[in-house]
C-alpha atoms as a PDB file:
ATOM      1  CA  MET A   1      69.120  92.547  67.085  1.00  0.00           C
ATOM      2  CA  THR A   2      66.856  95.196  68.204  1.00  0.00           C
ATOM      3  CA  ALA A   3      68.201  98.977  68.031  1.00  0.00           C
ATOM      4  CA  VAL A   4      69.018 100.498  71.401  1.00  0.00           C
ATOM      5  CA  ARG A   5      66.611 103.468  71.806  1.00  0.00           C
ATOM      6  CA  VAL A   6      68.691 106.545  72.936  1.00  0.00           C
ATOM      7  CA  ALA A   7      68.267 109.985  74.441  1.00  0.00           C
ATOM      8  CA  ILE A   8      70.854 112.574  74.035  1.00  0.00           C
ATOM      9  CA  ALA A   9      71.370 115.469  76.684  1.00  0.00           C
ATOM     10  CA  GLY A  10      72.711 118.779  75.576  1.00  0.00           C
ATOM     11  CA  ALA A  11      71.702 117.879  72.174  1.00  0.00           C
ATOM     12  CA  SER A  12      72.439 121.397  70.856  1.00  0.00           C
ATOM     13  CA  GLY A  13      76.020 121.755  72.103  1.00  0.00           C
ATOM     14  CA  ARG A  14      79.279 120.812  70.262  1.00  0.00           C
ATOM     15  CA  MET A  15      79.316 117.202  71.611  1.00  0.00           C
ATOM     16  CA  GLY A  16      75.538 116.923  71.495  1.00  0.00           C
ATOM     17  CA  LYS A  17      75.140 117.439  67.849  1.00  0.00           C
ATOM     18  CA  MET A  18      78.103 114.862  67.306  1.00  0.00           C
ATOM     19  CA  LEU A  19      76.323 112.557  69.098  1.00  0.00           C
ATOM     20  CA  VAL A  20      73.071 113.095  67.078  1.00  0.00           C
ATOM     21  CA  GLU A  21      75.035 112.671  63.945  1.00  0.00           C
ATOM     22  CA  ALA A  22      76.767 109.326  65.188  1.00  0.00           C
ATOM     23  CA  ALA A  23      73.081 107.896  66.295  1.00  0.00           C
ATOM     24  CA  LEU A  24      71.792 108.665  62.994  1.00  0.00           C
ATOM     25  CA  LYS A  25      74.320 106.593  61.336  1.00  0.00           C
ATOM     26  CA  ASP A  26      74.565 103.648  63.736  1.00  0.00           C
ATOM     27  CA  GLU A  27      72.077 100.702  62.739  1.00  0.00           C
ATOM     28  CA  GLY A  28      72.211  99.686  66.317  1.00  0.00           C
ATOM     29  CA  VAL A  29      70.829 102.583  67.815  1.00  0.00           C
ATOM     30  CA  GLU A  30      67.648 104.536  67.264  1.00  0.00           C
ATOM     31  CA  LEU A  31      67.643 108.323  68.362  1.00  0.00           C
ATOM     32  CA  VAL A  32      64.206 108.583  70.128  1.00  0.00           C
ATOM     33  CA  ALA A  33      64.666 111.754  72.113  1.00  0.00           C
ATOM     34  CA  ALA A  34      66.782 114.805  72.418  1.00  0.00           C
ATOM     35  CA  PHE A  35      66.755 117.507  75.049  1.00  0.00           C
ATOM     36  CA  ASP A  36      68.810 120.526  76.356  1.00  0.00           C
ATOM     37  CA  ARG A  37      68.609 123.103  79.307  1.00  0.00           C
ATOM     38  CA  GLN A  38      65.778 125.250  79.852  1.00  0.00           C
ATOM     39  CA  GLY A  39      65.635 128.274  77.259  1.00  0.00           C
ATOM     40  CA  ALA A  40      68.210 126.981  74.949  1.00  0.00           C
ATOM     41  CA  PRO A  41      67.753 128.538  71.537  1.00  0.00           C
ATOM     42  CA  ALA A  42      67.472 124.995  69.844  1.00  0.00           C
ATOM     43  CA  ILE A  43      64.331 124.091  71.972  1.00  0.00           C
ATOM     44  CA  GLY A  44      61.558 122.980  69.469  1.00  0.00           C
ATOM     45  CA  HIS A  45      64.030 122.430  66.648  1.00  0.00           C
ATOM     46  CA  ASP A  46      64.741 119.284  64.805  1.00  0.00           C
ATOM     47  CA  ALA A  47      67.821 117.617  66.561  1.00  0.00           C
ATOM     48  CA  GLY A  48      69.593 117.435  63.139  1.00  0.00           C
ATOM     49  CA  GLU A  49      69.363 120.786  62.249  1.00  0.00           C
ATOM     50  CA  GLY A  50      72.685 121.738  63.431  1.00  0.00           C
ATOM     51  CA  ILE A  51      74.364 119.256  61.409  1.00  0.00           C
ATOM     52  CA  GLY A  52      72.209 119.837  58.158  1.00  0.00           C
ATOM     53  CA  VAL A  53      69.752 116.899  58.273  1.00  0.00           C
ATOM     54  CA  THR A  54      66.317 116.009  59.389  1.00  0.00           C
ATOM     55  CA  SER A  55      66.133 113.602  62.405  1.00  0.00           C
ATOM     56  CA  GLY A  56      62.455 113.572  62.906  1.00  0.00           C
ATOM     57  CA  VAL A  57      63.235 114.181  66.576  1.00  0.00           C
ATOM     58  CA  ARG A  58      62.657 117.550  68.268  1.00  0.00           C
ATOM     59  CA  ILE A  59      64.830 118.844  71.117  1.00  0.00           C
ATOM     60  CA  THR A  60      62.650 119.492  74.081  1.00  0.00           C
ATOM     61  CA  GLU A  61      63.418 120.762  77.695  1.00  0.00           C
ATOM     62  CA  ASP A  62      61.578 118.183  79.478  1.00  0.00           C
ATOM     63  CA  ALA A  63      64.584 115.989  80.406  1.00  0.00           C
ATOM     64  CA  ALA A  64      62.431 113.576  82.368  1.00  0.00           C
ATOM     65  CA  ALA A  65      60.070 112.894  79.366  1.00  0.00           C
ATOM     66  CA  ALA A  66      62.894 112.309  77.027  1.00  0.00           C
ATOM     67  CA  ILE A  67      64.580 109.951  79.096  1.00  0.00           C
ATOM     68  CA  ALA A  68      61.536 107.892  79.826  1.00  0.00           C
ATOM     69  CA  ALA A  69      60.954 107.442  76.076  1.00  0.00           C
ATOM     70  CA  ALA A  70      64.353 105.893  75.521  1.00  0.00           C
ATOM     71  CA  ASP A  71      66.284 102.899  76.710  1.00  0.00           C
ATOM     72  CA  CYS A  72      69.727 104.749  77.286  1.00  0.00           C
ATOM     73  CA  VAL A  73      70.479 108.385  77.914  1.00  0.00           C
ATOM     74  CA  ILE A  74      73.920 109.462  76.777  1.00  0.00           C
ATOM     75  CA  ASP A  75      75.320 112.602  78.774  1.00  0.00           C
ATOM     76  CA  PHE A  76      78.141 114.777  77.994  1.00  0.00           C
ATOM     77  CA  THR A  77      77.038 118.025  79.691  1.00  0.00           C
ATOM     78  CA  ARG A  78      77.876 119.451  83.207  1.00  0.00           C
ATOM     79  CA  PRO A  79      78.201 117.746  86.479  1.00  0.00           C
ATOM     80  CA  GLU A  80      75.205 119.610  87.803  1.00  0.00           C
ATOM     81  CA  GLY A  81      73.309 119.017  85.095  1.00  0.00           C
ATOM     82  CA  THR A  82      74.233 115.234  84.559  1.00  0.00           C
ATOM     83  CA  LEU A  83      73.417 114.551  88.086  1.00  0.00           C
ATOM     84  CA  VAL A  84      69.748 115.878  87.535  1.00  0.00           C
ATOM     85  CA  HIS A  85      69.503 113.584  84.433  1.00  0.00           C
ATOM     86  CA  LEU A  86      70.964 110.841  86.515  1.00  0.00           C
ATOM     87  CA  ALA A  87      68.084 110.966  88.933  1.00  0.00           C
ATOM     88  CA  HIS A  88      65.574 110.924  86.086  1.00  0.00           C
ATOM     89  CA  ALA A  89      67.285 107.931  84.872  1.00  0.00           C
ATOM     90  CA  VAL A  90      67.089 106.143  88.202  1.00  0.00           C
ATOM     91  CA  GLN A  91      63.295 107.022  88.540  1.00  0.00           C
ATOM     92  CA  ALA A  92      62.595 105.874  85.174  1.00  0.00           C
ATOM     93  CA  GLY A  93      64.619 102.613  85.343  1.00  0.00           C
ATOM     94  CA  LYS A  94      66.893 103.569  82.382  1.00  0.00           C
ATOM     95  CA  ALA A  95      70.613 102.789  81.587  1.00  0.00           C
ATOM     96  CA  MET A  96      72.976 105.710  81.238  1.00  0.00           C
ATOM     97  CA  VAL A  97      76.148 106.598  79.777  1.00  0.00           C
ATOM     98  CA  ILE A  98      78.086 109.291  81.280  1.00  0.00           C
ATOM     99  CA  GLY A  99      81.087 111.173  79.361  1.00  0.00           C
ATOM    100  CA  THR A 100      80.814 114.173  81.399  1.00  0.00           C
ATOM    101  CA  THR A 101      84.094 115.252  83.613  1.00  0.00           C
ATOM    102  CA  GLY A 102      84.790 117.450  86.482  1.00  0.00           C
ATOM    103  CA  PHE A 103      82.770 115.540  89.124  1.00  0.00           C
ATOM    104  CA  ASP A 104      83.635 116.196  92.741  1.00  0.00           C
ATOM    105  CA  ALA A 105      83.736 113.392  95.216  1.00  0.00           C
ATOM    106  CA  ALA A 106      79.866 113.726  96.168  1.00  0.00           C
ATOM    107  CA  GLY A 107      79.074 113.478  92.386  1.00  0.00           C
ATOM    108  CA  LYS A 108      81.231 110.364  91.845  1.00  0.00           C
ATOM    109  CA  ALA A 109      79.564 108.994  94.930  1.00  0.00           C
ATOM    110  CA  ALA A 110      75.859 109.903  93.501  1.00  0.00           C
ATOM    111  CA  ILE A 111      76.876 107.953  90.311  1.00  0.00           C
ATOM    112  CA  SER A 112      78.056 104.860  92.375  1.00  0.00           C
ATOM    113  CA  GLU A 113      74.854 104.843  94.300  1.00  0.00           C
ATOM    114  CA  ALA A 114      72.663 105.047  91.128  1.00  0.00           C
ATOM    115  CA  ALA A 115      74.629 102.076  89.755  1.00  0.00           C
ATOM    116  CA  LYS A 116      72.919  99.785  92.640  1.00  0.00           C
ATOM    117  CA  THR A 117      69.667 100.324  90.690  1.00  0.00           C
ATOM    118  CA  ILE A 118      70.477 100.960  86.911  1.00  0.00           C
ATOM    119  CA  PRO A 119      73.268 100.037  84.632  1.00  0.00           C
ATOM    120  CA  LEU A 120      75.711 102.807  83.921  1.00  0.00           C
ATOM    121  CA  VAL A 121      78.775 103.409  81.837  1.00  0.00           C
ATOM    122  CA  PHE A 122      81.023 106.191  83.456  1.00  0.00           C
ATOM    123  CA  ALA A 123      84.287 107.155  81.826  1.00  0.00           C
ATOM    124  CA  PRO A 124      86.382 110.064  81.335  1.00  0.00           C
ATOM    125  CA  ASN A 125      87.104 109.278  77.759  1.00  0.00           C
ATOM    126  CA  MET A 126      84.737 107.275  75.466  1.00  0.00           C
ATOM    127  CA  ALA A 127      87.325 106.957  72.714  1.00  0.00           C
ATOM    128  CA  VAL A 128      88.343 103.588  71.927  1.00  0.00           C
ATOM    129  CA  GLY A 129      91.954 104.567  71.073  1.00  0.00           C
ATOM    130  CA  VAL A 130      92.231 106.361  74.456  1.00  0.00           C
ATOM    131  CA  ASN A 131      91.010 103.280  76.249  1.00  0.00           C
ATOM    132  CA  ALA A 132      93.738 101.218  74.382  1.00  0.00           C
ATOM    133  CA  VAL A 133      96.219 103.537  75.566  1.00  0.00           C
ATOM    134  CA  PHE A 134      94.978 103.440  79.199  1.00  0.00           C
ATOM    135  CA  LYS A 135      95.746  99.725  78.886  1.00  0.00           C
ATOM    136  CA  LEU A 136      99.285 100.545  77.417  1.00  0.00           C
ATOM    137  CA  LEU A 137      99.877 102.949  80.428  1.00  0.00           C
ATOM    138  CA  ASP A 138      99.395 100.116  82.944  1.00  0.00           C
ATOM    139  CA  VAL A 139     101.852  97.759  81.327  1.00  0.00           C
ATOM    140  CA  ALA A 140     104.450 100.540  80.633  1.00  0.00           C
ATOM    141  CA  ALA A 141     104.100 101.865  84.201  1.00  0.00           C
ATOM    142  CA  ARG A 142     105.040  98.209  85.595  1.00  0.00           C
ATOM    143  CA  ILE A 143     107.882  97.883  83.022  1.00  0.00           C
ATOM    144  CA  LEU A 144     109.329 101.512  84.092  1.00  0.00           C
ATOM    145  CA  ALA A 145     108.557 101.358  87.713  1.00  0.00           C
ATOM    146  CA  GLU A 146     112.334 102.244  88.851  1.00  0.00           C
ATOM    147  CA  GLY A 147     114.435 105.074  87.525  1.00  0.00           C
ATOM    148  CA  TYR A 148     111.650 106.737  85.390  1.00  0.00           C
ATOM    149  CA  ASP A 149     109.951 110.168  86.641  1.00  0.00           C
ATOM    150  CA  VAL A 150     106.122 110.456  85.120  1.00  0.00           C
ATOM    151  CA  GLU A 151     104.664 113.417  83.830  1.00  0.00           C
ATOM    152  CA  VAL A 152     101.149 113.971  82.023  1.00  0.00           C
ATOM    153  CA  ILE A 153     100.606 116.663  79.695  1.00  0.00           C
ATOM    154  CA  GLU A 154      97.264 117.524  78.143  1.00  0.00           C
ATOM    155  CA  THR A 155      96.078 120.218  75.750  1.00  0.00           C
ATOM    156  CA  HIS A 156      92.341 121.171  75.017  1.00  0.00           C
ATOM    157  CA  HIS A 157      90.557 124.119  73.554  1.00  0.00           C
ATOM    158  CA  ARG A 158      90.031 127.464  74.993  1.00  0.00           C
ATOM    159  CA  PHE A 159      86.292 126.725  76.146  1.00  0.00           C
ATOM    160  CA  LYS A 160      87.181 123.683  78.713  1.00  0.00           C
ATOM    161  CA  VAL A 161      86.327 124.469  81.931  1.00  0.00           C
ATOM    162  CA  ASP A 162      88.037 121.854  84.083  1.00  0.00           C
ATOM    163  CA  ALA A 163      91.592 121.177  84.240  1.00  0.00           C
ATOM    164  CA  PRO A 164      93.344 118.729  84.200  1.00  0.00           C
ATOM    165  CA  SER A 165      91.088 116.796  81.994  1.00  0.00           C
ATOM    166  CA  GLY A 166      89.263 113.914  83.254  1.00  0.00           C
ATOM    167  CA  THR A 167      91.243 111.890  80.787  1.00  0.00           C
ATOM    168  CA  ALA A 168      94.727 113.019  81.986  1.00  0.00           C
ATOM    169  CA  LEU A 169      93.590 112.332  85.832  1.00  0.00           C
ATOM    170  CA  ARG A 170      92.573 108.701  84.755  1.00  0.00           C
ATOM    171  CA  MET A 171      95.958 108.277  83.078  1.00  0.00           C
ATOM    172  CA  GLY A 172      97.570 109.457  86.431  1.00  0.00           C
ATOM    173  CA  GLU A 173      95.336 107.226  88.276  1.00  0.00           C
ATOM    174  CA  ILE A 174      96.228 104.056  86.387  1.00  0.00           C
ATOM    175  CA  VAL A 175     100.024 104.890  86.399  1.00  0.00           C
ATOM    176  CA  ALA A 176      99.576 105.395  90.187  1.00  0.00           C
ATOM    177  CA  GLN A 177      97.826 102.213  90.727  1.00  0.00           C
ATOM    178  CA  ALA A 178     100.391 100.310  88.902  1.00  0.00           C
ATOM    179  CA  LEU A 179     103.312 101.676  90.841  1.00  0.00           C
ATOM    180  CA  ASP A 180     101.259 101.117  94.117  1.00  0.00           C
ATOM    181  CA  ARG A 181     100.874 104.904  94.881  1.00  0.00           C
ATOM    182  CA  GLU A 182      97.973 106.918  95.737  1.00  0.00           C
ATOM    183  CA  LEU A 183      97.398 109.659  93.236  1.00  0.00           C
ATOM    184  CA  ASP A 184      96.142 112.332  95.823  1.00  0.00           C
ATOM    185  CA  GLU A 185      99.502 111.930  97.869  1.00  0.00           C
ATOM    186  CA  CYS A 186     101.870 112.130  94.713  1.00  0.00           C
ATOM    187  CA  ALA A 187     100.384 114.512  92.320  1.00  0.00           C
ATOM    188  CA  ALA A 188     101.944 117.734  91.358  1.00  0.00           C
ATOM    189  CA  TYR A 189      99.404 120.077  89.564  1.00  0.00           C
ATOM    190  CA  GLY A 190     101.733 122.618  87.703  1.00  0.00           C
ATOM    191  CA  ARG A 191     104.823 124.356  89.020  1.00  0.00           C
ATOM    192  CA  HIS A 192     105.657 127.918  89.782  1.00  0.00           C
ATOM    193  CA  GLY A 193     108.679 129.479  91.545  1.00  0.00           C
ATOM    194  CA  VAL A 194     111.364 127.863  93.520  1.00  0.00           C
ATOM    195  CA  THR A 195     109.834 124.299  93.765  1.00  0.00           C
ATOM    196  CA  GLY A 196     112.892 122.292  94.859  1.00  0.00           C
ATOM    197  CA  GLU A 197     114.229 119.322  93.472  1.00  0.00           C
ATOM    198  CA  ARG A 198     111.784 116.916  91.931  1.00  0.00           C
ATOM    199  CA  LYS A 199     110.716 114.113  94.132  1.00  0.00           C
ATOM    200  CA  ALA A 200     110.960 110.649  92.541  1.00  0.00           C
ATOM    201  CA  GLU A 201     107.433 109.494  93.321  1.00  0.00           C
ATOM    202  CA  THR A 202     105.578 112.594  91.921  1.00  0.00           C
ATOM    203  CA  ILE A 203     103.438 112.202  88.929  1.00  0.00           C
ATOM    204  CA  GLY A 204     103.354 115.581  87.304  1.00  0.00           C
ATOM    205  CA  PHE A 205     100.489 117.180  85.498  1.00  0.00           C
ATOM    206  CA  SER A 206     100.599 120.369  82.960  1.00  0.00           C
ATOM    207  CA  ALA A 207      97.165 121.519  81.261  1.00  0.00           C
ATOM    208  CA  ILE A 208      97.252 123.664  78.127  1.00  0.00           C
ATOM    209  CA  ARG A 209      94.461 125.465  77.068  1.00  0.00           C
ATOM    210  CA  GLY A 210      94.190 127.306  73.721  1.00  0.00           C
ATOM    211  CA  GLY A 211      92.400 127.576  70.177  1.00  0.00           C
ATOM    212  CA  ASP A 212      90.297 124.658  68.993  1.00  0.00           C
ATOM    213  CA  VAL A 213      92.189 121.676  70.085  1.00  0.00           C
ATOM    214  CA  VAL A 214      89.762 118.573  70.818  1.00  0.00           C
ATOM    215  CA  GLY A 215      92.234 116.757  73.032  1.00  0.00           C
ATOM    216  CA  ASP A 216      95.811 115.846  73.130  1.00  0.00           C
ATOM    217  CA  HIS A 217      97.094 113.605  75.899  1.00  0.00           C
ATOM    218  CA  THR A 218     100.708 112.383  76.627  1.00  0.00           C
ATOM    219  CA  VAL A 219     102.178 110.610  79.414  1.00  0.00           C
ATOM    220  CA  LEU A 220     106.004 111.010  79.562  1.00  0.00           C
ATOM    221  CA  PHE A 221     108.496 108.460  81.165  1.00  0.00           C
ATOM    222  CA  ALA A 222     111.548 110.011  81.684  1.00  0.00           C
ATOM    223  CA  GLY A 223     114.662 108.063  82.567  1.00  0.00           C
ATOM    224  CA  ILE A 224     118.335 108.862  82.506  1.00  0.00           C
ATOM    225  CA  GLY A 225     119.435 108.735  78.978  1.00  0.00           C
ATOM    226  CA  GLU A 226     115.807 108.005  77.435  1.00  0.00           C
ATOM    227  CA  ARG A 227     112.400 108.889  77.232  1.00  0.00           C
ATOM    228  CA  ILE A 228     109.296 106.962  76.572  1.00  0.00           C
ATOM    229  CA  GLU A 229     106.121 108.910  75.400  1.00  0.00           C
ATOM    230  CA  ILE A 230     102.610 107.668  75.018  1.00  0.00           C
ATOM    231  CA  THR A 231     100.420 110.018  73.101  1.00  0.00           C
ATOM    232  CA  HIS A 232      96.779 110.069  72.080  1.00  0.00           C
ATOM    233  CA  LYS A 233      95.494 112.977  69.932  1.00  0.00           C
ATOM    234  CA  SER A 234      91.885 113.497  69.098  1.00  0.00           C
ATOM    235  CA  GLY A 235      91.119 115.230  65.820  1.00  0.00           C
ATOM    236  CA  SER A 236      87.373 115.095  66.236  1.00  0.00           C
ATOM    237  CA  ARG A 237      84.830 114.534  68.872  1.00  0.00           C
ATOM    238  CA  MET A 238      83.566 111.721  66.730  1.00  0.00           C
ATOM    239  CA  SER A 239      85.509 109.331  68.381  1.00  0.00           C
ATOM    240  CA  TYR A 240      83.832 110.155  71.699  1.00  0.00           C
ATOM    241  CA  ALA A 241      80.598 109.871  70.164  1.00  0.00           C
ATOM    242  CA  LEU A 242      81.150 106.610  68.635  1.00  0.00           C
ATOM    243  CA  GLY A 243      82.522 105.006  71.727  1.00  0.00           C
ATOM    244  CA  SER A 244      79.686 106.339  73.676  1.00  0.00           C
ATOM    245  CA  LEU A 245      77.268 104.424  71.458  1.00  0.00           C
ATOM    246  CA  ARG A 246      79.304 101.297  71.590  1.00  0.00           C
ATOM    247  CA  ALA A 247      78.783 101.774  75.475  1.00  0.00           C
ATOM    248  CA  ALA A 248      74.904 102.327  75.072  1.00  0.00           C
ATOM    249  CA  ARG A 249      74.786  99.031  73.060  1.00  0.00           C
ATOM    250  CA  PHE A 250      76.896  97.265  75.652  1.00  0.00           C
ATOM    251  CA  LEU A 251      74.492  98.080  78.382  1.00  0.00           C
ATOM    252  CA  ALA A 252      71.342  96.837  76.540  1.00  0.00           C
ATOM    253  CA  GLY A 253      69.706  94.020  78.340  1.00  0.00           C
ATOM    254  CA  ARG A 254      71.888  94.347  81.413  1.00  0.00           C
ATOM    255  CA  GLY A 255      70.958  94.880  85.032  1.00  0.00           C
ATOM    256  CA  LYS A 256      72.185  97.356  87.567  1.00  0.00           C
ATOM    257  CA  GLY A 257      75.950  98.113  87.768  1.00  0.00           C
ATOM    258  CA  LEU A 258      78.775 100.345  87.146  1.00  0.00           C
ATOM    259  CA  PHE A 259      80.926  99.766  84.158  1.00  0.00           C
ATOM    260  CA  ASP A 260      83.581 101.699  82.113  1.00  0.00           C
ATOM    261  CA  MET A 261      84.996 101.689  78.870  1.00  0.00           C
ATOM    262  CA  GLN A 262      87.242  98.877  79.585  1.00  0.00           C
ATOM    263  CA  ASP A 263      84.538  96.574  80.441  1.00  0.00           C
ATOM    264  CA  VAL A 264      82.626  97.822  77.289  1.00  0.00           C
ATOM    265  CA  LEU A 265      85.990  96.925  75.146  1.00  0.00           C
ATOM    266  CA  GLY A 266      86.467  93.495  77.083  1.00  0.00           C
ATOM    267  CA  LEU A 267      89.997  94.763  78.319  1.00  0.00           C
ATOM    268  CA  ARG A 268      89.529  93.764  82.099  1.00  0.00           C
END
C-alpha cells in the first residue's frame, strides 16, 4: 500500500508537534511538508525539533507550496487560518482533514462548498473513543427520551479560546437529533441568577477552563431516582493525532465529498 503524503498545518504548535510525532511513526503516511504562520519562530527549523527527533522536513511559511506537495493536509489551527489553507487545498486539488473548531456558519458553509471539489474529513473531535461515545449517545438518547434532563459538561485547558467545545456542541447536536429537537432552540449555555424552573426540553451546557486539561466531556441524563453519565476523558492529544491520520488514509483515492469520523470508522 502506498503511503499517503501529508502536510501538517501549525506544525510548531501543541497539536502540530503531536501530529508530526504520530506521522513519523505511522507506516501508512509520509510526512512531506510542514508549515506555520508567517513569522513563527520555528520557520526554517526541522519539524521534528520540537519533539527531539530529526524528520528531514523543514517548517515553511509557504502554505500553498506545502499543500501542493502533499496528498492531504491536516489542519488543527484556527478557523481563519484553516479557511485560507482550505482555499489552497481546493486550488491544488488536495484532500484535507480539518480538526479545527470554532467555525461560524459562514466558515462551515465554505467547508461544505469546498467538499464539492475535494474530499474532506471535518469533525469536531478526531479521537476514535470520542466517536464511539457519539454513537452511544444516539442510542442512549433514544432510550431515555422521556423523563430525563440532559446536561453536557466539558473541561479544557486554560488556553482554549472557544466555548463550548466543538465536541460538546456535537454531543448536544446528536442528542437533539435523537430527540427530534433543534439544538438552536433548546440549548442553554450556562446559568446565572434567577433562571426559573428548568424546562424539560432544554439541553444544558457548562464549560470549565483551567490548568492543562486536554479535554473531558460528560453527558448527564438525569431522571427521577437515577442518573446516567457517559464520559470521555483525553489524557493526551495523541488520540486526536492518531484519528486524524486514520482520516487521511481514509481519504486516499476518494473523490470529492464531505465526511466525518463516523464515516471513517464505518459507524453510519
